[in-house]
Protein backbone atom coordinates (compact mmCIF):
# COMPACT_ATOMS: atom_id res chain seq x y z
CA MET A 1 106.10 138.50 6.67
CA ALA A 2 105.90 139.54 10.30
CA ARG A 3 109.11 139.66 12.30
CA PRO A 4 109.19 137.04 15.07
CA THR A 5 108.57 138.49 18.52
CA PRO A 6 111.24 137.62 21.08
CA SER A 7 109.93 135.74 24.10
CA PRO A 8 109.25 137.89 27.17
CA ALA A 9 111.85 135.90 29.08
CA THR A 10 114.70 136.87 26.77
CA ASN A 11 113.49 139.77 24.60
CA GLY A 12 116.70 139.33 22.63
CA HIS A 13 118.78 139.68 25.79
CA ALA A 14 119.70 137.52 28.75
CA ALA A 15 116.83 137.03 31.18
CA ARG A 16 116.95 139.32 34.18
CA VAL A 17 117.38 137.45 37.44
CA PHE A 18 115.79 139.01 40.51
CA SER A 19 118.03 138.27 43.47
CA SER A 20 119.25 139.73 46.73
CA PRO A 21 122.76 141.23 47.02
CA LEU A 22 123.73 138.52 49.51
CA ALA A 23 122.51 135.80 47.15
CA ARG A 24 124.59 137.25 44.30
CA ARG A 25 127.69 137.41 46.49
CA LEU A 26 127.26 133.83 47.68
CA ALA A 27 126.66 132.63 44.11
CA ARG A 28 129.95 134.22 43.03
CA GLU A 29 131.82 132.68 45.97
CA PHE A 30 130.45 129.19 45.28
CA GLY A 31 130.73 129.41 41.50
CA ILE A 32 126.99 128.93 41.01
CA ASP A 33 125.10 130.22 37.97
CA ILE A 34 122.38 132.22 39.68
CA ALA A 35 120.32 132.37 36.46
CA ARG A 36 119.62 128.64 36.79
CA ILE A 37 118.19 128.84 40.32
CA GLN A 38 114.46 128.83 41.00
CA GLY A 39 114.03 131.53 43.64
CA THR A 40 111.82 131.01 46.69
CA GLY A 41 111.69 134.62 47.82
CA PRO A 42 108.88 137.10 47.12
CA HIS A 43 107.85 136.99 43.43
CA GLY A 44 110.43 134.29 42.73
CA ARG A 45 113.39 136.32 43.97
CA VAL A 46 116.56 134.32 44.55
CA VAL A 47 117.64 134.70 48.18
CA ALA A 48 120.56 133.43 50.23
CA ARG A 49 118.81 130.23 51.33
CA ASP A 50 118.38 129.25 47.65
CA ILE A 51 122.14 129.49 47.13
CA GLU A 52 122.82 127.44 50.26
CA ALA A 53 120.28 124.81 49.15
CA THR A 54 121.85 124.63 45.70
CA LYS A 55 125.33 124.28 47.20
CA SER A 56 124.18 121.38 49.38
CA GLY A 57 122.42 119.68 46.46
CA GLY A 58 118.92 120.10 47.86
CA VAL A 59 117.22 121.80 44.90
CA ALA A 60 116.72 121.34 41.19
CA LEU A 61 118.26 123.84 38.78
CA ARG A 62 116.58 125.29 35.73
CA ALA A 63 117.99 123.85 32.55
CA PRO A 64 119.77 126.32 30.26
CA GLY A 65 117.41 127.97 27.84
CA GLY A 66 115.05 129.89 30.07
CA PRO A 67 111.77 129.20 31.81
CA GLY A 68 109.44 126.41 30.79
CA VAL A 69 112.29 123.93 30.33
CA THR A 70 112.35 120.74 32.38
CA PRO A 71 114.55 121.24 35.48
CA VAL A 72 117.77 119.32 35.76
CA PRO A 73 117.90 117.55 39.14
CA ILE A 74 121.07 117.99 41.14
CA GLN A 75 122.65 114.68 42.01
CA PRO A 76 124.05 114.36 45.53
CA PRO A 77 127.71 113.36 45.88
CA SER A 78 128.33 109.65 45.46
CA ASP A 79 129.14 107.44 48.44
CA GLU A 80 132.68 107.02 47.13
CA ARG A 81 133.21 110.78 46.89
CA ILE A 82 131.99 111.35 50.42
CA ARG A 83 134.07 108.52 51.88
CA ALA A 84 137.16 109.89 50.12
CA LEU A 85 136.93 112.96 52.36
CA PHE A 86 137.72 110.88 55.45
CA GLU A 87 140.74 108.83 56.41
CA PRO A 88 140.22 105.07 55.85
CA GLY A 89 139.53 103.32 59.12
CA SER A 90 138.37 106.52 60.85
CA TYR A 91 134.71 105.55 60.55
CA GLU A 92 132.39 102.56 60.35
CA VAL A 93 129.53 102.13 57.89
CA VAL A 94 126.15 101.59 59.58
CA PRO A 95 123.75 100.28 56.89
CA HIS A 96 120.39 102.06 56.65
CA ASP A 97 117.46 100.00 57.86
CA THR A 98 114.09 100.20 56.14
CA MET A 99 112.71 102.78 58.57
CA ARG A 100 115.64 105.16 58.08
CA LYS A 101 115.35 104.85 54.28
CA VAL A 102 111.62 105.62 54.39
CA ILE A 103 112.16 108.61 56.70
CA ALA A 104 114.94 109.97 54.47
CA ARG A 105 112.80 109.61 51.34
CA ARG A 106 109.69 111.18 52.86
CA ILE A 107 111.56 114.10 54.44
CA SER A 108 113.42 114.82 51.19
CA GLU A 109 110.18 114.72 49.20
CA ALA A 110 108.45 116.97 51.74
CA LYS A 111 111.15 119.66 51.61
CA LEU A 112 111.43 119.53 47.82
CA THR A 113 107.70 119.49 47.00
CA ILE A 114 106.05 121.43 49.85
CA PRO A 115 106.63 125.21 49.95
CA HIS A 116 107.14 125.67 53.69
CA PHE A 117 106.79 128.91 55.59
CA TYR A 118 107.15 129.39 59.32
CA LEU A 119 105.31 131.32 62.04
CA THR A 120 106.57 131.63 65.63
CA ALA A 121 104.85 132.69 68.84
CA THR A 122 105.75 132.76 72.52
CA CYS A 123 103.19 131.42 74.99
CA THR A 124 103.02 132.31 78.67
CA ILE A 125 102.05 129.04 80.33
CA ASP A 126 101.79 129.77 84.06
CA ARG A 127 98.03 129.13 83.96
CA LEU A 128 98.55 125.90 82.04
CA LEU A 129 101.14 124.66 84.55
CA ALA A 130 98.85 125.52 87.45
CA ALA A 131 95.91 123.70 85.82
CA ARG A 132 98.12 120.69 85.12
CA GLU A 133 99.22 120.62 88.76
CA ASP A 134 95.62 120.80 90.00
CA ILE A 135 94.45 118.03 87.67
CA ASN A 136 97.34 115.70 88.53
CA THR A 137 97.06 116.35 92.27
CA THR A 138 93.42 115.25 92.30
CA ALA A 139 94.00 112.12 90.19
CA PRO A 140 92.55 109.02 91.94
CA LYS A 141 95.05 106.31 92.87
CA GLY A 142 94.75 102.69 91.85
CA GLU A 143 95.33 99.61 93.95
CA ASP A 144 99.08 99.93 93.35
CA GLY A 145 99.01 103.44 94.80
CA LYS A 146 99.91 105.09 91.51
CA PRO A 147 97.77 107.91 90.01
CA SER A 148 95.35 106.70 87.34
CA TYR A 149 96.60 109.43 85.02
CA LYS A 150 99.28 112.12 84.76
CA ILE A 151 98.63 114.96 82.34
CA SER A 152 101.65 116.38 80.49
CA VAL A 153 102.19 119.77 78.89
CA ASN A 154 102.14 117.98 75.53
CA ASP A 155 98.62 116.68 76.24
CA PHE A 156 97.48 120.30 76.61
CA VAL A 157 99.21 121.21 73.34
CA ILE A 158 97.49 118.36 71.49
CA LYS A 159 94.10 119.53 72.74
CA ALA A 160 94.92 123.19 71.97
CA MET A 161 95.89 122.31 68.40
CA ALA A 162 92.73 120.27 67.88
CA LEU A 163 90.51 123.07 69.16
CA GLY A 164 92.52 125.58 67.12
CA LEU A 165 91.65 123.65 63.97
CA MET A 166 87.97 123.74 64.94
CA LYS A 167 88.22 127.49 65.52
CA VAL A 168 90.03 128.04 62.19
CA PRO A 169 88.58 125.24 60.02
CA ASP A 170 90.08 126.56 56.77
CA ALA A 171 93.49 125.52 58.15
CA ASN A 172 92.30 121.94 58.68
CA VAL A 173 93.07 120.92 55.10
CA THR A 174 95.16 118.69 52.88
CA TRP A 175 96.50 119.76 49.49
CA THR A 176 95.77 117.64 46.43
CA GLU A 177 96.15 118.71 42.81
CA GLY A 178 92.42 118.24 42.28
CA GLY A 179 91.34 120.35 45.24
CA LEU A 180 91.68 120.91 48.98
CA LEU A 181 90.45 118.21 51.32
CA LYS A 182 88.72 120.10 54.12
CA HIS A 183 88.57 117.85 57.17
CA LYS A 184 85.69 117.66 59.63
CA HIS A 185 87.75 116.43 62.58
CA ALA A 186 91.14 117.19 64.10
CA ASP A 187 93.29 114.06 63.84
CA VAL A 188 96.51 115.16 65.52
CA GLY A 189 99.70 113.19 64.92
CA VAL A 190 102.40 113.31 67.59
CA ALA A 191 106.03 112.57 66.70
CA VAL A 192 107.43 109.81 68.92
CA SER A 193 111.13 108.98 68.95
CA ILE A 194 111.90 105.28 68.66
CA PRO A 195 115.17 103.40 68.11
CA GLY A 196 116.34 104.07 64.57
CA GLY A 197 113.90 106.89 63.77
CA LEU A 198 110.51 108.26 64.65
CA ILE A 199 106.85 107.52 64.11
CA THR A 200 103.75 109.68 64.35
CA PRO A 201 100.76 107.99 66.01
CA ILE A 202 97.50 109.90 65.59
CA VAL A 203 94.99 111.01 68.21
CA ARG A 204 91.77 110.77 66.18
CA LYS A 205 88.98 113.32 66.74
CA ALA A 206 91.10 114.98 69.41
CA GLU A 207 88.70 117.91 69.60
CA HIS A 208 86.15 115.64 71.31
CA LYS A 209 88.53 113.96 73.78
CA SER A 210 89.31 115.07 77.32
CA LEU A 211 92.85 115.72 78.47
CA ILE A 212 92.74 112.48 80.43
CA GLU A 213 91.68 110.50 77.35
CA ILE A 214 94.42 112.13 75.28
CA SER A 215 97.00 111.43 77.98
CA ASN A 216 96.08 107.76 78.35
CA GLU A 217 95.94 107.27 74.57
CA MET A 218 99.39 108.82 74.11
CA LYS A 219 100.91 106.67 76.86
CA ASP A 220 99.56 103.58 75.11
CA TYR A 221 100.83 104.80 71.73
CA VAL A 222 104.31 105.59 73.04
CA GLY A 223 104.67 102.20 74.69
CA ARG A 224 103.56 100.28 71.62
CA ALA A 225 105.55 102.55 69.27
CA LYS A 226 108.81 101.79 71.08
CA ALA A 227 107.95 98.09 70.83
CA ARG A 228 107.08 98.61 67.13
CA ARG A 229 103.59 97.23 67.65
CA LEU A 230 101.54 100.09 66.19
CA LYS A 231 99.06 99.24 63.45
CA PRO A 232 99.29 101.20 60.16
CA GLN A 233 95.88 102.81 60.73
CA GLU A 234 97.23 104.22 63.99
CA TYR A 235 99.97 106.28 62.33
CA GLU A 236 98.86 106.81 58.71
CA GLY A 237 96.88 109.88 57.66
CA GLY A 238 95.96 112.59 60.13
CA THR A 239 95.32 116.27 59.50
CA THR A 240 98.21 117.91 61.39
CA ALA A 241 101.07 116.99 63.71
CA ILE A 242 103.12 118.08 66.73
CA SER A 243 106.84 117.65 67.31
CA ASN A 244 107.96 118.44 70.86
CA LEU A 245 111.66 118.68 71.69
CA GLY A 246 111.16 120.67 74.88
CA MET A 247 112.24 117.72 77.03
CA TYR A 248 115.70 118.03 75.47
CA GLY A 249 116.03 121.70 76.42
CA VAL A 250 115.51 122.94 72.85
CA GLN A 251 114.18 126.50 72.97
CA GLU A 252 112.71 126.60 69.47
CA PHE A 253 112.98 124.90 66.09
CA SER A 254 111.14 124.40 62.81
CA ALA A 255 109.73 120.98 61.91
CA VAL A 256 109.32 119.47 58.44
CA ILE A 257 105.71 118.94 57.37
CA ASN A 258 104.68 115.29 57.25
CA PRO A 259 102.47 114.65 54.18
CA PRO A 260 99.49 114.59 53.83
CA HIS A 261 99.41 117.28 56.53
CA ALA A 262 99.43 121.00 55.72
CA THR A 263 100.85 122.04 59.10
CA ILE A 264 103.08 120.85 61.93
CA LEU A 265 103.71 122.53 65.28
CA ALA A 266 107.21 122.52 66.77
CA VAL A 267 107.19 122.92 70.56
CA GLY A 268 110.17 124.17 72.55
CA THR A 269 111.02 123.89 76.21
CA SER A 270 109.18 125.57 79.08
CA GLU A 271 111.43 127.96 80.98
CA GLN A 272 111.29 131.01 83.21
CA ARG A 273 111.90 134.24 81.30
CA PRO A 274 111.76 137.92 82.23
CA ILE A 275 108.77 139.72 80.75
CA VAL A 276 107.48 143.30 80.85
CA ASP A 277 103.99 143.55 82.33
CA ASN A 278 102.41 147.03 82.60
CA GLY A 279 105.82 148.66 82.56
CA ALA A 280 107.28 146.38 85.24
CA ILE A 281 109.64 143.43 84.80
CA SER A 282 108.41 140.12 86.14
CA ILE A 283 109.17 136.44 85.68
CA ALA A 284 106.89 134.05 83.77
CA HIS A 285 107.05 130.51 82.45
CA GLN A 286 107.14 130.73 78.67
CA MET A 287 107.31 128.33 75.74
CA THR A 288 108.07 129.04 72.09
CA ILE A 289 106.01 127.33 69.39
CA THR A 290 106.68 127.40 65.63
CA LEU A 291 104.09 126.47 63.02
CA SER A 292 105.37 125.10 59.70
CA VAL A 293 102.78 125.67 56.98
CA ASP A 294 102.21 124.38 53.43
CA HIS A 295 101.76 127.63 51.50
CA ARG A 296 99.82 125.84 48.75
CA ALA A 297 97.00 125.04 51.16
CA VAL A 298 97.23 127.73 53.85
CA ASP A 299 98.12 131.37 53.23
CA GLY A 300 100.06 133.55 55.63
CA ALA A 301 97.14 135.33 57.28
CA LEU A 302 95.23 132.08 57.72
CA GLY A 303 98.29 130.40 59.22
CA ALA A 304 98.66 133.34 61.61
CA GLN A 305 95.02 132.98 62.69
CA PHE A 306 95.55 129.28 63.36
CA LEU A 307 98.70 129.91 65.41
CA ALA A 308 96.90 132.65 67.37
CA ALA A 309 94.07 130.20 68.17
CA ILE A 310 96.56 127.61 69.45
CA LYS A 311 98.29 130.24 71.58
CA LEU A 312 94.93 131.40 72.98
CA TYR A 313 94.04 127.92 74.21
CA ILE A 314 97.53 127.27 75.61
CA GLU A 315 97.50 130.52 77.57
CA ASN A 316 93.88 130.07 78.69
CA PRO A 317 93.62 126.33 79.41
CA VAL A 318 90.21 126.62 81.06
CA GLY A 319 88.87 126.95 77.50
CA MET A 320 89.93 123.35 76.89
CA LEU A 321 87.92 122.08 79.85
CA VAL A 322 84.48 123.44 78.95
């Protein structure tokens, strides 16, 4: 009778865990069994962020017994345990409304189920700012004396992202278990802050719309979003999204992908920065953008091509006008 062959995972010994030195040190400090953590580093390596996520209760652990076993979800601390950390009367409880509950659920699901990776680029936007000034200066005035339109930097970014998807169509996708949905148009969602949360109205077929059309559509969306009068078809779906925190002075950040999208672009503030141009130091207006990417649908090189296309249009805005 043949001797049973040990499974490759154990081979008669404890499974080897590939991890970084920092991850091992943090695991020891926090009392975490590193063998039960599903690593997110290269080739499944456990890295420091996996330890931090486990400590905060944001990941599922492997059940004892090796790979192939159903993961045991980590339960977050109970309300009672959290409240016990604070002196009674030192806080008030603000009940979650429906919007906040939906946002919390969707963001948690997105971070737990979508393997994010991030790509960052710095755009020099002096040409964009000059083009914006020229367009706004020549805007016709209505009977009330106000310009009929006022283009924003964000309007340029929306158009640049739409054209970037047309230039790199393999990035204009949605992941499903049955196959990738490859979209024919760029439907760009734009995160809008409203009381109690945020909503993402969608500029449909943005690749075909002028900057003026995009600007007027966004002004209408923002006004109706704050009044909570958007229709579901105006904020559901879409193929990508933009989150701009530049108006708050944020230099750069990473946004969470909003399903069913495979990408989202985080836009930082525009500011003057010193740059080196042909060996000489000069001053330029620059803006940092970060692309969050669903690695299931878009690989690293493809994501880099998409970000490069966005950057090209932002730095050369005349390409959006022809």
